[in-house]
Amino acid sequence: MVSCVPSQMEPIETLRSVGFVGVQFLKDMEKAWFQHEGAELREVKLLAWKPFANESTRMVLYKGPFAEIALEDGTILTRGVNTPVAENIANKIRSGPLAESFTFLK
């Protein structure tokens, strides 16, 4: 018997509430596996990471195209401004789809 069907945002909010950042959907099924009392149940796979407490930082320069963007930890990256971010976040940006929008400084 199904006792709880979380909303689509509930797992993301739960991960964020315990300190995880960079939550991404790796798998989100278009078609429901089954339906129960009108609620469609789908398989979802999420990826997130938890920053280290005393992690070193890396300066990044956001090149645009937007005036600014916000990271999930609340850091605002303004176009043309060097901004310190945690080393693991810099590595995630570097390996992500927006890597060419940044310059990574030492």
C-alpha atoms as a PDB file:
ATOM      1  CA  MET A   1       0.000   0.000   0.000  1.00  0.00           C
ATOM      2  CA  VAL A   2       1.323   3.461  -0.903  1.00  0.00           C
ATOM      3  CA  SER A   3       1.343   5.762   2.124  1.00  0.00           C
ATOM      4  CA  CYS A   4       3.158   8.822   0.734  1.00  0.00           C
ATOM      5  CA  VAL A   5       3.897  10.202  -2.706  1.00  0.00           C
ATOM      6  CA  PRO A   6       6.397  13.079  -2.536  1.00  0.00           C
ATOM      7  CA  SER A   7       6.020  16.066  -4.836  1.00  0.00           C
ATOM      8  CA  GLN A   8       8.671  16.473  -7.529  1.00  0.00           C
ATOM      9  CA  MET A   9      10.484  19.143  -5.477  1.00  0.00           C
ATOM     10  CA  GLU A  10      10.341  17.373  -2.113  1.00  0.00           C
ATOM     11  CA  PRO A  11      13.459  15.171  -2.587  1.00  0.00           C
ATOM     12  CA  ILE A  12      15.438  18.213  -3.798  1.00  0.00           C
ATOM     13  CA  GLU A  13      14.303  20.313  -0.823  1.00  0.00           C
ATOM     14  CA  THR A  14      15.178  17.470   1.553  1.00  0.00           C
ATOM     15  CA  LEU A  15      18.697  17.164   0.135  1.00  0.00           C
ATOM     16  CA  ARG A  16      19.220  20.949   0.334  1.00  0.00           C
ATOM     17  CA  SER A  17      17.913  21.082   3.914  1.00  0.00           C
ATOM     18  CA  VAL A  18      20.706  18.745   5.068  1.00  0.00           C
ATOM     19  CA  GLY A  19      23.463  20.681   3.293  1.00  0.00           C
ATOM     20  CA  PHE A  20      23.692  19.139  -0.165  1.00  0.00           C
ATOM     21  CA  VAL A  21      24.193  21.442  -3.153  1.00  0.00           C
ATOM     22  CA  GLY A  22      24.241  21.143  -6.919  1.00  0.00           C
ATOM     23  CA  VAL A  23      21.230  18.837  -7.099  1.00  0.00           C
ATOM     24  CA  GLN A  24      20.744  17.471 -10.605  1.00  0.00           C
ATOM     25  CA  PHE A  25      18.213  15.109 -12.133  1.00  0.00           C
ATOM     26  CA  LEU A  26      20.072  12.197 -13.727  1.00  0.00           C
ATOM     27  CA  LYS A  27      16.927  10.240 -14.483  1.00  0.00           C
ATOM     28  CA  ASP A  28      13.329  11.392 -14.589  1.00  0.00           C
ATOM     29  CA  MET A  29      10.993   8.962 -16.315  1.00  0.00           C
ATOM     30  CA  GLU A  30       8.481  10.456 -18.753  1.00  0.00           C
ATOM     31  CA  LYS A  31       6.090   7.588 -18.240  1.00  0.00           C
ATOM     32  CA  ALA A  32       4.894   6.605 -14.776  1.00  0.00           C
ATOM     33  CA  TRP A  33       5.719   3.107 -13.522  1.00  0.00           C
ATOM     34  CA  PHE A  34       2.257   2.912 -12.017  1.00  0.00           C
ATOM     35  CA  GLN A  35      -0.578   5.056 -10.790  1.00  0.00           C
ATOM     36  CA  HIS A  36      -2.268   4.943  -7.398  1.00  0.00           C
ATOM     37  CA  GLU A  37      -5.388   6.969  -6.630  1.00  0.00           C
ATOM     38  CA  GLY A  38      -4.511   9.476  -9.344  1.00  0.00           C
ATOM     39  CA  ALA A  39      -0.882   9.920  -8.255  1.00  0.00           C
ATOM     40  CA  GLU A  40       1.669   8.871 -10.863  1.00  0.00           C
ATOM     41  CA  LEU A  41       4.796   7.222  -9.469  1.00  0.00           C
ATOM     42  CA  ARG A  42       8.019   7.585 -11.465  1.00  0.00           C
ATOM     43  CA  GLU A  43      11.592   6.522 -10.970  1.00  0.00           C
ATOM     44  CA  VAL A  44      13.856   9.508 -10.302  1.00  0.00           C
ATOM     45  CA  LYS A  45      17.622   9.512  -9.802  1.00  0.00           C
ATOM     46  CA  LEU A  46      19.289  12.590  -8.293  1.00  0.00           C
ATOM     47  CA  LEU A  47      22.921  13.604  -7.938  1.00  0.00           C
ATOM     48  CA  ALA A  48      24.111  16.083  -5.297  1.00  0.00           C
ATOM     49  CA  TRP A  49      27.241  16.781  -3.303  1.00  0.00           C
ATOM     50  CA  LYS A  50      27.995  18.092   0.142  1.00  0.00           C
ATOM     51  CA  PRO A  51      30.697  20.759   0.523  1.00  0.00           C
ATOM     52  CA  PHE A  52      33.540  20.087   2.924  1.00  0.00           C
ATOM     53  CA  ALA A  53      33.596  22.300   6.011  1.00  0.00           C
ATOM     54  CA  ASN A  54      37.152  23.675   5.720  1.00  0.00           C
ATOM     55  CA  GLU A  55      37.577  23.407   1.992  1.00  0.00           C
ATOM     56  CA  SER A  56      39.887  25.730   0.104  1.00  0.00           C
ATOM     57  CA  THR A  57      38.484  28.254  -2.335  1.00  0.00           C
ATOM     58  CA  ARG A  58      39.175  29.045  -5.965  1.00  0.00           C
ATOM     59  CA  MET A  59      38.575  32.357  -7.728  1.00  0.00           C
ATOM     60  CA  VAL A  60      36.257  32.165 -10.723  1.00  0.00           C
ATOM     61  CA  LEU A  61      35.390  34.830 -13.250  1.00  0.00           C
ATOM     62  CA  TYR A  62      31.928  34.584 -14.763  1.00  0.00           C
ATOM     63  CA  LYS A  63      32.101  35.779 -18.400  1.00  0.00           C
ATOM     64  CA  GLY A  64      28.370  35.918 -19.152  1.00  0.00           C
ATOM     65  CA  PRO A  65      26.022  36.001 -21.070  1.00  0.00           C
ATOM     66  CA  PHE A  66      23.781  36.970 -18.129  1.00  0.00           C
ATOM     67  CA  ALA A  67      24.512  39.932 -15.837  1.00  0.00           C
ATOM     68  CA  GLU A  68      24.690  37.523 -12.902  1.00  0.00           C
ATOM     69  CA  ILE A  69      23.835  33.998 -11.854  1.00  0.00           C
ATOM     70  CA  ALA A  70      23.178  32.469  -8.445  1.00  0.00           C
ATOM     71  CA  LEU A  71      24.675  29.231  -7.163  1.00  0.00           C
ATOM     72  CA  GLU A  72      22.597  26.973  -4.933  1.00  0.00           C
ATOM     73  CA  ASP A  73      24.615  27.969  -1.866  1.00  0.00           C
ATOM     74  CA  GLY A  74      23.524  31.586  -2.408  1.00  0.00           C
ATOM     75  CA  THR A  75      26.762  32.823  -3.979  1.00  0.00           C
ATOM     76  CA  ILE A  76      26.065  35.413  -6.677  1.00  0.00           C
ATOM     77  CA  LEU A  77      28.456  35.386  -9.627  1.00  0.00           C
ATOM     78  CA  THR A  78      28.453  38.751 -11.388  1.00  0.00           C
ATOM     79  CA  ARG A  79      29.716  38.989 -14.963  1.00  0.00           C
ATOM     80  CA  GLY A  80      33.307  40.286 -15.009  1.00  0.00           C
ATOM     81  CA  VAL A  81      33.866  40.037 -11.237  1.00  0.00           C
ATOM     82  CA  ASN A  82      36.342  37.585  -9.664  1.00  0.00           C
ATOM     83  CA  THR A  83      34.464  35.633  -6.999  1.00  0.00           C
ATOM     84  CA  PRO A  84      35.755  33.029  -4.504  1.00  0.00           C
ATOM     85  CA  VAL A  85      33.900  29.705  -4.489  1.00  0.00           C
ATOM     86  CA  ALA A  86      34.633  26.401  -2.733  1.00  0.00           C
ATOM     87  CA  GLU A  87      37.124  24.251  -4.636  1.00  0.00           C
ATOM     88  CA  ASN A  88      34.618  21.428  -5.128  1.00  0.00           C
ATOM     89  CA  ILE A  89      32.043  23.863  -6.557  1.00  0.00           C
ATOM     90  CA  ALA A  90      34.662  25.256  -8.946  1.00  0.00           C
ATOM     91  CA  ASN A  91      35.387  21.675 -10.051  1.00  0.00           C
ATOM     92  CA  LYS A  92      31.683  21.004 -10.637  1.00  0.00           C
ATOM     93  CA  ILE A  93      31.370  24.181 -12.712  1.00  0.00           C
ATOM     94  CA  ARG A  94      34.498  23.243 -14.668  1.00  0.00           C
ATOM     95  CA  SER A  95      33.103  19.816 -15.547  1.00  0.00           C
ATOM     96  CA  GLY A  96      29.566  21.061 -16.249  1.00  0.00           C
ATOM     97  CA  PRO A  97      27.796  22.336 -19.348  1.00  0.00           C
ATOM     98  CA  LEU A  98      28.522  26.017 -18.565  1.00  0.00           C
ATOM     99  CA  ALA A  99      32.293  25.631 -18.142  1.00  0.00           C
ATOM    100  CA  GLU A 100      33.063  27.873 -21.114  1.00  0.00           C
ATOM    101  CA  SER A 101      31.218  30.734 -19.405  1.00  0.00           C
ATOM    102  CA  PHE A 102      33.937  30.864 -16.707  1.00  0.00           C
ATOM    103  CA  THR A 103      37.627  31.521 -16.264  1.00  0.00           C
ATOM    104  CA  PHE A 104      39.191  29.624 -13.338  1.00  0.00           C
ATOM    105  CA  LEU A 105      41.936  31.534 -11.537  1.00  0.00           C
ATOM    106  CA  LYS A 106      44.520  30.197  -9.092  1.00  0.00           C
END
